[in-house]
Amino acid sequence: MAAEKWVLMVTAQTPTNIAVIKYWGKRDETLILPVNDSISVTLDPDHLCTTTTVAVSPSFDQDRMWLNGKEISLGGGRYQNCLKEIRSRACDVEDTEKGIKIEKKDWQKLHLHIASFNNFPTAAGLASSAAGFACLVFSLAKLMNLKENQSQLSAIARQGSGSACRSLFGGFVKWIMGKEGNGSDSLAVQLVDEEHWNDLVIIIAVVSSRQKETSSTTGMRESVETSLLLQHRAKEVVPKRIVQMEEAIQNHDFSSFAQLTCADSNQFHAVCLDTSPPIFYMNDTSHRIISYVERWNRSVGSPQVAYTFDAGPNAVLIARNRKIATELLQRLLFFFPPNSETDLNSYVLGDKSILHDAGIDGMKDIEALPLPPEINNISAQKYSGDVNYFICTRPGGGPVLLSDDSKALLNPKSGLPKEA
């Protein structure tokens, strides 16, 4: 390893994911081994992703990390577990252009700088830790020239955040709970890629972007210790649902997919209520959205939209196709219009072309939206201000390397965060 003060960097982008069959409860807290399998859909990284730059240099005197511009401690067990696992698998790296050669043994004494940025709220129930740890592991694996495949990397990401293992792939992804005590077989596999069911459109209602009162980690621990429903769910319910969900995804069977997704979300939140003390992740706005979707689906006679809620009040709504997504957005804007001072551009984010398809260019168009036909009450109440914003997205691809240096979060010369 040459003595000069070089910096070697890698930047990657990793999507977040939303579980349609939920992970809730660990059988091993340290290794993060779940009590059941889970299935998720990866969201389009154009709209929801983590970007991470990792750098190595002989001039760094300690491992350091910055999240969304603020330096954070890497002292936590989860970060340390991921770093240890990756360093132990690091290989020789040579950059002939820069004249850099790092041997396998050098990685144990070289320090890292890590900068990570989420383009969506952290710790608000939008799986920011999933995207974050997946991106950390993926980018470090590239920097250190690991030979492991994505599933093997997912088993490392799992030790940072359970659901992170599912963000190593695009499309629909299954986290196999595994049976081994050391967690070697608890990893993610891709069921289908993002093109398999590309009719689907996803609209997220961000009801609150604040940090949740009960963290997922604490909530899960309390559920495992006190909820009899969780034991029944893990043993009897989820194994059957996993088989049915895989079949529904393979066959593009939206009716079964929606029924399973909604039922599993509702059972997860029932487990939270069955926990002592009970955990409340959803709020009145969450419940209203469920009620509107259920009423619409029942009035048509078959599911048009599926809903699912993670550990937070935000609604993830999956529409059968683009036409239904347009009608869904019209309904959401009817019931949850923006405040008069809110700019529509900052109220509907992501794929804004759905707004155009819905015939909405401004506040006047929202005010003119008709009462949805399934609502009998002519004086249907509107809840302006109860939703912070909406994100229109779709199933998306897995992690990618960003070769454009301008997208790097660290300065290529100093290895410190670029000036904001």
Protein backbone atom coordinates (compact mmCIF):
# COMPACT_ATOMS: atom_id res chain seq x y z
CA MET A 1 0.00 0.00 0.00
CA ALA A 2 1.56 3.25 -1.11
CA ALA A 3 2.20 5.83 1.60
CA GLU A 4 0.85 8.89 -0.23
CA LYS A 5 -2.39 10.48 0.91
CA TRP A 6 -4.87 9.15 -1.62
CA VAL A 7 -8.67 8.79 -1.23
CA LEU A 8 -10.59 5.95 -2.90
CA MET A 9 -14.38 6.37 -3.10
CA VAL A 10 -17.53 4.58 -4.22
CA THR A 11 -21.05 6.04 -4.40
CA ALA A 12 -24.21 3.95 -4.62
CA GLN A 13 -27.96 4.43 -4.56
CA THR A 14 -30.31 1.93 -2.92
CA PRO A 15 -34.11 1.88 -2.87
CA THR A 16 -36.43 1.47 0.09
CA ASN A 17 -39.01 -1.29 0.25
CA ILE A 18 -42.47 -1.79 1.68
CA ALA A 19 -43.49 -5.17 3.07
CA VAL A 20 -46.75 -6.68 1.83
CA ILE A 21 -46.33 -9.66 4.17
CA LYS A 22 -44.89 -8.10 7.30
CA TYR A 23 -41.78 -8.80 9.34
CA TRP A 24 -42.55 -8.21 13.00
CA GLY A 25 -40.64 -9.98 15.73
CA LYS A 26 -37.14 -11.41 16.10
CA ARG A 27 -36.08 -14.80 17.40
CA ASP A 28 -32.52 -13.47 17.82
CA GLU A 29 -32.03 -9.80 18.69
CA THR A 30 -28.30 -9.65 17.96
CA LEU A 31 -28.24 -11.40 14.60
CA ILE A 32 -31.69 -9.96 13.69
CA LEU A 33 -33.32 -13.27 12.82
CA PRO A 34 -37.09 -13.00 12.26
CA VAL A 35 -39.93 -15.18 13.56
CA ASN A 36 -41.44 -15.44 10.05
CA ASP A 37 -40.71 -15.01 6.33
CA SER A 38 -41.72 -11.68 4.74
CA ILE A 39 -42.32 -10.33 1.22
CA SER A 40 -41.83 -6.75 0.03
CA VAL A 41 -42.04 -4.58 -3.05
CA THR A 42 -39.03 -2.38 -3.83
CA LEU A 43 -39.97 1.24 -4.60
CA ASP A 44 -38.62 3.23 -7.54
CA PRO A 45 -35.31 4.75 -6.36
CA ASP A 46 -36.04 7.88 -8.43
CA HIS A 47 -38.60 8.75 -5.76
CA LEU A 48 -37.41 7.04 -2.55
CA CYS A 49 -33.80 6.09 -2.03
CA THR A 50 -30.65 6.41 0.02
CA THR A 51 -27.44 7.65 -1.60
CA THR A 52 -24.24 6.65 0.17
CA THR A 53 -20.60 7.52 -0.53
CA VAL A 54 -17.92 5.42 1.18
CA ALA A 55 -14.26 6.41 1.15
CA VAL A 56 -11.03 4.90 2.37
CA SER A 57 -7.69 6.65 2.89
CA PRO A 58 -4.52 6.10 4.92
CA SER A 59 -4.97 9.70 6.12
CA PHE A 60 -8.25 8.91 7.96
CA ASP A 61 -7.59 8.36 11.66
CA GLN A 62 -10.99 6.84 12.57
CA ASP A 63 -14.23 5.52 11.04
CA ARG A 64 -16.71 8.41 10.66
CA MET A 65 -20.25 8.73 9.31
CA TRP A 66 -22.55 11.58 8.31
CA LEU A 67 -26.31 11.04 7.87
CA ASN A 68 -28.25 13.77 6.07
CA GLY A 69 -25.37 16.18 6.70
CA LYS A 70 -24.98 15.53 10.45
CA GLU A 71 -22.19 13.44 11.91
CA ILE A 72 -23.49 10.40 13.80
CA SER A 73 -21.79 7.81 15.99
CA LEU A 74 -20.71 4.51 14.46
CA GLY A 75 -20.39 3.03 17.94
CA GLY A 76 -23.74 1.18 17.80
CA GLY A 77 -23.67 -2.60 17.60
CA ARG A 78 -25.53 -2.71 14.30
CA TYR A 79 -23.04 -0.52 12.45
CA GLN A 80 -20.15 -2.37 14.04
CA ASN A 81 -21.57 -5.77 13.05
CA CYS A 82 -21.92 -4.70 9.41
CA LEU A 83 -18.43 -3.16 9.28
CA LYS A 84 -16.86 -6.21 10.91
CA GLU A 85 -18.61 -8.66 8.55
CA ILE A 86 -17.59 -6.68 5.46
CA ARG A 87 -13.99 -6.07 6.53
CA SER A 88 -13.56 -9.80 7.17
CA ARG A 89 -14.57 -10.53 3.56
CA ALA A 90 -12.61 -7.69 1.89
CA CYS A 91 -10.30 -8.61 -1.01
CA ASP A 92 -7.32 -7.03 -2.77
CA VAL A 93 -8.15 -3.77 -4.57
CA GLU A 94 -6.08 -2.10 -7.25
CA ASP A 95 -6.76 1.22 -8.97
CA THR A 96 -4.03 1.46 -11.62
CA GLU A 97 -5.18 4.89 -12.78
CA LYS A 98 -4.62 6.37 -9.29
CA GLY A 99 -1.71 4.05 -8.49
CA ILE A 100 -3.51 2.64 -5.45
CA LYS A 101 -3.05 -0.93 -4.27
CA ILE A 102 -4.78 -2.23 -1.14
CA GLU A 103 -4.10 -5.76 0.03
CA LYS A 104 -6.69 -7.86 1.87
CA LYS A 105 -4.82 -7.53 5.20
CA ASP A 106 -4.70 -3.70 4.89
CA TRP A 107 -8.49 -3.34 5.30
CA GLN A 108 -8.32 -4.20 9.01
CA LYS A 109 -6.23 -1.09 9.76
CA LEU A 110 -7.61 1.37 7.17
CA HIS A 111 -10.38 3.73 8.32
CA LEU A 112 -13.56 4.65 6.44
CA HIS A 113 -15.60 7.78 5.90
CA ILE A 114 -19.29 7.25 5.11
CA ALA A 115 -21.84 9.86 4.05
CA SER A 116 -25.47 8.94 3.54
CA PHE A 117 -28.48 10.93 2.41
CA ASN A 118 -32.17 9.92 2.31
CA ASN A 119 -34.42 11.76 -0.14
CA PHE A 120 -37.36 11.09 2.22
CA PRO A 121 -37.99 11.46 6.00
CA THR A 122 -35.82 9.33 8.30
CA ALA A 123 -37.52 7.14 10.97
CA ALA A 124 -41.07 8.14 9.96
CA GLY A 125 -42.24 4.68 8.92
CA LEU A 126 -40.90 4.80 5.35
CA ALA A 127 -38.17 2.18 5.87
CA SER A 128 -35.28 4.65 5.86
CA SER A 129 -33.11 2.26 7.90
CA ALA A 130 -33.75 -0.48 5.32
CA ALA A 131 -32.46 1.62 2.45
CA GLY A 132 -29.66 3.04 4.62
CA PHE A 133 -28.10 -0.23 5.77
CA ALA A 134 -28.60 -1.87 2.36
CA CYS A 135 -26.78 1.04 0.73
CA LEU A 136 -24.00 0.95 3.34
CA VAL A 137 -23.36 -2.76 2.75
CA PHE A 138 -23.69 -2.57 -1.05
CA SER A 139 -21.31 0.41 -1.40
CA LEU A 140 -18.72 -1.01 1.03
CA ALA A 141 -18.87 -4.37 -0.78
CA LYS A 142 -17.99 -2.58 -4.03
CA LEU A 143 -15.24 -0.51 -2.39
CA MET A 144 -13.65 -3.59 -0.78
CA ASN A 145 -14.13 -5.85 -3.81
CA LEU A 146 -16.23 -8.49 -2.01
CA LYS A 147 -16.99 -11.64 -4.00
CA GLU A 148 -20.33 -12.36 -2.29
CA ASN A 149 -23.56 -12.28 -4.35
CA GLN A 150 -26.55 -10.06 -3.51
CA SER A 151 -28.27 -12.71 -1.33
CA GLN A 152 -25.08 -13.21 0.68
CA LEU A 153 -24.72 -9.43 1.05
CA SER A 154 -28.36 -9.29 2.17
CA ALA A 155 -27.45 -11.49 5.16
CA ILE A 156 -24.91 -8.83 6.21
CA ALA A 157 -27.36 -5.93 5.67
CA ARG A 158 -29.89 -7.84 7.79
CA GLN A 159 -27.58 -7.40 10.79
CA GLY A 160 -27.94 -3.63 10.46
CA SER A 161 -31.71 -3.52 9.93
CA GLY A 162 -33.84 -6.59 9.28
CA SER A 163 -35.79 -5.21 6.33
CA ALA A 164 -32.54 -3.87 4.80
CA CYS A 165 -31.87 -7.35 3.40
CA ARG A 166 -34.88 -6.92 1.08
CA SER A 167 -33.50 -3.66 -0.39
CA LEU A 168 -30.61 -5.52 -2.08
CA PHE A 169 -33.01 -6.44 -4.92
CA GLY A 170 -35.60 -4.74 -7.11
CA GLY A 171 -39.15 -5.96 -7.81
CA PHE A 172 -40.76 -8.31 -5.30
CA VAL A 173 -38.41 -9.78 -2.71
CA LYS A 174 -38.74 -12.53 -0.10
CA TRP A 175 -36.77 -12.58 3.15
CA ILE A 176 -36.40 -16.24 4.08
CA MET A 177 -36.37 -16.49 7.90
CA GLY A 178 -33.94 -19.43 7.86
CA LYS A 179 -33.41 -22.15 10.45
CA GLU A 180 -29.69 -21.96 11.30
CA GLY A 181 -28.72 -20.52 14.68
CA ASN A 182 -25.91 -18.45 13.12
CA GLY A 183 -28.29 -16.80 10.62
CA SER A 184 -26.37 -17.99 7.54
CA ASP A 185 -29.59 -19.03 5.78
CA SER A 186 -31.64 -15.95 6.79
CA LEU A 187 -31.37 -13.91 3.61
CA ALA A 188 -33.27 -12.25 0.79
CA VAL A 189 -34.08 -13.63 -2.67
CA GLN A 190 -35.74 -11.90 -5.59
CA LEU A 191 -39.13 -13.40 -6.50
CA VAL A 192 -39.64 -11.34 -9.68
CA ASP A 193 -37.96 -8.21 -11.06
CA GLU A 194 -39.55 -4.76 -11.35
CA GLU A 195 -40.72 -5.36 -14.94
CA HIS A 196 -42.79 -8.45 -14.03
CA TRP A 197 -45.79 -6.50 -12.72
CA ASN A 198 -45.19 -3.02 -14.03
CA ASP A 199 -48.92 -2.12 -14.21
CA LEU A 200 -48.87 -1.41 -10.49
CA VAL A 201 -48.77 2.19 -9.29
CA ILE A 202 -48.03 3.10 -5.67
CA ILE A 203 -49.20 6.24 -3.89
CA ILE A 204 -47.87 6.96 -0.40
CA ALA A 205 -49.79 9.31 1.87
CA VAL A 206 -47.23 10.79 4.27
CA VAL A 207 -49.46 11.44 7.25
CA SER A 208 -46.61 12.32 9.55
CA SER A 209 -42.92 12.72 8.84
CA ARG A 210 -42.07 12.91 12.54
CA GLN A 211 -40.11 10.19 14.29
CA LYS A 212 -42.38 7.54 15.79
CA GLU A 213 -42.97 7.29 19.56
CA THR A 214 -42.22 3.54 19.75
CA SER A 215 -39.27 2.44 17.62
CA SER A 216 -39.69 -0.74 15.57
CA THR A 217 -36.92 -2.40 17.60
CA THR A 218 -38.63 -1.71 20.94
CA GLY A 219 -42.09 -2.50 19.56
CA MET A 220 -41.00 -5.87 18.18
CA ARG A 221 -39.32 -6.88 21.41
CA GLU A 222 -42.44 -6.06 23.43
CA SER A 223 -44.70 -7.88 20.94
CA VAL A 224 -42.56 -11.04 21.06
CA GLU A 225 -42.61 -10.96 24.87
CA THR A 226 -46.33 -10.25 25.39
CA SER A 227 -48.49 -10.93 22.29
CA LEU A 228 -50.09 -14.37 21.94
CA LEU A 229 -51.46 -13.23 18.57
CA LEU A 230 -47.87 -12.77 17.31
CA GLN A 231 -47.05 -16.41 18.14
CA HIS A 232 -50.19 -17.61 16.32
CA ARG A 233 -49.48 -15.32 13.36
CA ALA A 234 -45.87 -16.51 12.94
CA LYS A 235 -46.71 -20.21 13.27
CA GLU A 236 -50.11 -20.59 11.61
CA VAL A 237 -50.98 -17.57 9.47
CA VAL A 238 -47.86 -16.23 7.73
CA PRO A 239 -46.56 -19.54 6.25
CA LYS A 240 -49.85 -19.98 4.31
CA ARG A 241 -49.96 -16.31 3.29
CA ILE A 242 -46.39 -16.44 1.94
CA VAL A 243 -47.34 -19.29 -0.43
CA GLN A 244 -50.53 -17.50 -1.52
CA MET A 245 -48.73 -14.18 -2.00
CA GLU A 246 -45.97 -15.73 -4.14
CA GLU A 247 -48.66 -17.30 -6.32
CA ALA A 248 -50.60 -14.01 -6.62
CA ILE A 249 -47.43 -12.13 -7.67
CA GLN A 250 -46.41 -14.76 -10.24
CA ASN A 251 -49.94 -14.78 -11.74
CA HIS A 252 -50.56 -10.99 -11.62
CA ASP A 253 -53.64 -11.85 -9.51
CA PHE A 254 -54.46 -8.44 -8.09
CA SER A 255 -57.61 -9.52 -6.20
CA SER A 256 -55.68 -12.09 -4.15
CA PHE A 257 -52.69 -9.75 -3.82
CA ALA A 258 -54.86 -6.92 -2.46
CA GLN A 259 -56.81 -9.17 -0.07
CA LEU A 260 -53.58 -10.64 1.37
CA THR A 261 -51.80 -7.26 1.58
CA CYS A 262 -54.65 -5.54 3.43
CA ALA A 263 -55.28 -8.50 5.76
CA ASP A 264 -51.62 -8.80 6.66
CA SER A 265 -51.26 -5.10 7.36
CA ASN A 266 -54.35 -5.18 9.58
CA GLN A 267 -53.09 -8.25 11.44
CA PHE A 268 -49.69 -6.65 12.04
CA HIS A 269 -51.41 -3.64 13.62
CA ALA A 270 -53.67 -6.01 15.60
CA VAL A 271 -50.48 -7.60 17.00
CA CYS A 272 -49.34 -4.11 18.00
CA LEU A 273 -52.64 -3.59 19.86
CA ASP A 274 -52.29 -7.06 21.41
CA THR A 275 -48.88 -6.06 22.80
CA SER A 276 -48.59 -4.95 26.43
CA PRO A 277 -48.51 -1.99 26.69
CA PRO A 278 -50.37 -1.59 23.36
CA ILE A 279 -48.60 0.15 20.48
CA PHE A 280 -50.46 2.65 18.29
CA TYR A 281 -48.73 3.29 14.97
CA MET A 282 -51.78 4.34 12.97
CA ASN A 283 -53.85 7.43 13.69
CA ASP A 284 -57.32 8.74 12.73
CA THR A 285 -56.12 9.74 9.26
CA SER A 286 -54.72 6.24 8.67
CA HIS A 287 -58.07 4.75 9.69
CA ARG A 288 -59.99 7.11 7.41
CA ILE A 289 -57.86 6.12 4.42
CA ILE A 290 -58.53 2.42 5.13
CA SER A 291 -62.24 3.14 5.35
CA TYR A 292 -62.31 5.04 2.02
CA VAL A 293 -60.35 2.30 0.21
CA GLU A 294 -62.53 -0.49 1.66
CA ARG A 295 -65.70 1.37 0.66
CA TRP A 296 -64.45 1.91 -2.91
CA ASN A 297 -63.28 -1.69 -3.32
CA ARG A 298 -66.61 -3.05 -2.03
CA SER A 299 -68.70 -0.73 -4.22
CA VAL A 300 -66.92 -1.99 -7.35
CA GLY A 301 -67.11 -5.63 -6.25
CA SER A 302 -63.39 -6.35 -6.63
CA PRO A 303 -60.26 -4.76 -5.16
CA GLN A 304 -58.98 -1.73 -7.07
CA VAL A 305 -56.45 -0.65 -4.43
CA ALA A 306 -54.51 -2.43 -1.69
CA TYR A 307 -53.36 -0.62 1.44
CA THR A 308 -50.51 -1.41 3.79
CA PHE A 309 -49.05 0.42 6.79
CA ASP A 310 -45.63 -0.20 8.30
CA ALA A 311 -44.69 0.92 11.82
CA GLY A 312 -46.12 4.41 11.36
CA PRO A 313 -49.27 6.22 10.21
CA ASN A 314 -48.28 6.59 6.54
CA ALA A 315 -50.50 4.79 4.04
CA VAL A 316 -48.91 2.89 1.15
CA LEU A 317 -51.63 2.42 -1.46
CA ILE A 318 -51.04 0.04 -4.37
CA ALA A 319 -53.32 0.58 -7.37
CA ARG A 320 -54.16 -2.16 -9.86
CA ASN A 321 -53.08 0.02 -12.81
CA ARG A 322 -52.47 3.61 -13.86
CA LYS A 323 -56.13 4.37 -14.60
CA ILE A 324 -57.10 3.28 -11.07
CA ALA A 325 -54.15 5.23 -9.63
CA THR A 326 -55.50 8.37 -11.31
CA GLU A 327 -58.92 7.80 -9.73
CA LEU A 328 -57.23 7.06 -6.40
CA LEU A 329 -55.30 10.33 -6.47
CA GLN A 330 -58.51 12.23 -7.28
CA ARG A 331 -60.22 10.63 -4.26
CA LEU A 332 -57.27 11.32 -1.96
CA LEU A 333 -57.12 14.97 -3.01
CA PHE A 334 -60.91 15.25 -2.58
CA PHE A 335 -60.76 14.07 1.06
CA PHE A 336 -57.31 15.46 1.93
CA PRO A 337 -56.85 18.69 -0.04
CA PRO A 338 -53.73 20.77 0.60
CA ASN A 339 -53.95 23.90 2.74
CA SER A 340 -54.66 26.99 0.65
CA GLU A 341 -51.07 28.22 1.10
CA THR A 342 -49.53 24.86 0.07
CA ASP A 343 -47.92 24.65 -3.34
CA LEU A 344 -49.32 21.67 -5.29
CA ASN A 345 -45.82 20.89 -6.55
CA SER A 346 -44.65 20.20 -3.00
CA TYR A 347 -47.88 18.36 -2.08
CA VAL A 348 -47.72 15.67 -4.78
CA LEU A 349 -44.18 14.38 -5.25
CA GLY A 350 -42.60 11.65 -7.34
CA ASP A 351 -44.26 10.82 -10.66
CA LYS A 352 -46.24 14.03 -11.21
CA SER A 353 -47.59 12.85 -14.57
CA ILE A 354 -50.38 11.09 -12.62
CA LEU A 355 -51.56 14.55 -11.49
CA HIS A 356 -51.76 15.55 -15.15
CA ASP A 357 -53.68 12.36 -16.02
CA ALA A 358 -56.09 13.20 -13.18
CA GLY A 359 -56.74 16.58 -14.81
CA ILE A 360 -55.30 18.50 -11.87
CA ASP A 361 -53.11 21.53 -12.55
CA GLY A 362 -53.93 23.68 -9.55
CA MET A 363 -56.10 24.28 -6.48
CA LYS A 364 -59.16 25.14 -8.57
CA ASP A 365 -59.11 21.65 -10.08
CA ILE A 366 -58.94 20.10 -6.61
CA GLU A 367 -61.85 22.24 -5.40
CA ALA A 368 -63.86 21.10 -8.43
CA LEU A 369 -63.34 17.37 -7.77
CA PRO A 370 -66.70 15.57 -7.50
CA LEU A 371 -67.81 13.49 -4.52
CA PRO A 372 -66.70 9.87 -5.17
CA PRO A 373 -69.78 7.84 -6.25
CA GLU A 374 -69.38 5.27 -3.43
CA ILE A 375 -69.80 8.03 -0.79
CA ASN A 376 -73.50 8.50 -0.06
CA ASN A 377 -73.12 11.37 2.36
CA ILE A 378 -73.41 14.53 0.25
CA SER A 379 -71.75 16.61 2.99
CA ALA A 380 -68.67 14.38 3.12
CA GLN A 381 -66.11 15.98 5.40
CA LYS A 382 -62.74 17.08 4.03
CA TYR A 383 -59.56 16.92 6.08
CA SER A 384 -57.31 19.66 4.82
CA GLY A 385 -53.85 19.55 6.42
CA ASP A 386 -54.15 15.98 7.75
CA VAL A 387 -51.78 14.64 5.06
CA ASN A 388 -48.35 16.28 4.75
CA TYR A 389 -47.86 15.22 1.13
CA PHE A 390 -48.27 12.36 -1.34
CA ILE A 391 -45.57 10.45 -3.23
CA CYS A 392 -46.52 8.79 -6.53
CA THR A 393 -44.20 5.93 -7.39
CA ARG A 394 -44.03 2.35 -8.72
CA PRO A 395 -42.09 -0.90 -8.24
CA GLY A 396 -38.40 -0.22 -8.89
CA GLY A 397 -34.96 -1.74 -9.35
CA GLY A 398 -32.28 -2.65 -6.83
CA PRO A 399 -29.03 -0.93 -5.81
CA VAL A 400 -26.86 0.75 -8.45
CA LEU A 401 -23.39 2.29 -8.49
CA LEU A 402 -23.23 5.99 -9.41
CA SER A 403 -20.18 6.68 -11.52
CA ASP A 404 -20.91 10.42 -11.82
CA ASP A 405 -18.53 12.10 -9.32
CA SER A 406 -20.87 15.06 -8.96
CA LYS A 407 -23.33 12.73 -7.16
CA ALA A 408 -20.72 11.75 -4.54
CA LEU A 409 -21.41 13.09 -1.04
CA LEU A 410 -17.74 13.23 -0.01
CA ASN A 411 -15.00 15.44 -1.41
CA PRO A 412 -12.68 13.26 -3.55
CA LYS A 413 -9.58 15.06 -2.24
CA SER A 414 -10.30 15.33 1.50
CA GLY A 415 -12.83 12.52 1.97
CA LEU A 416 -14.95 14.92 4.05
CA PRO A 417 -18.56 15.87 3.26
CA LYS A 418 -18.93 18.31 0.38
CA GLU A 419 -19.91 21.80 1.48
CA ALA A 420 -23.69 22.14 1.37
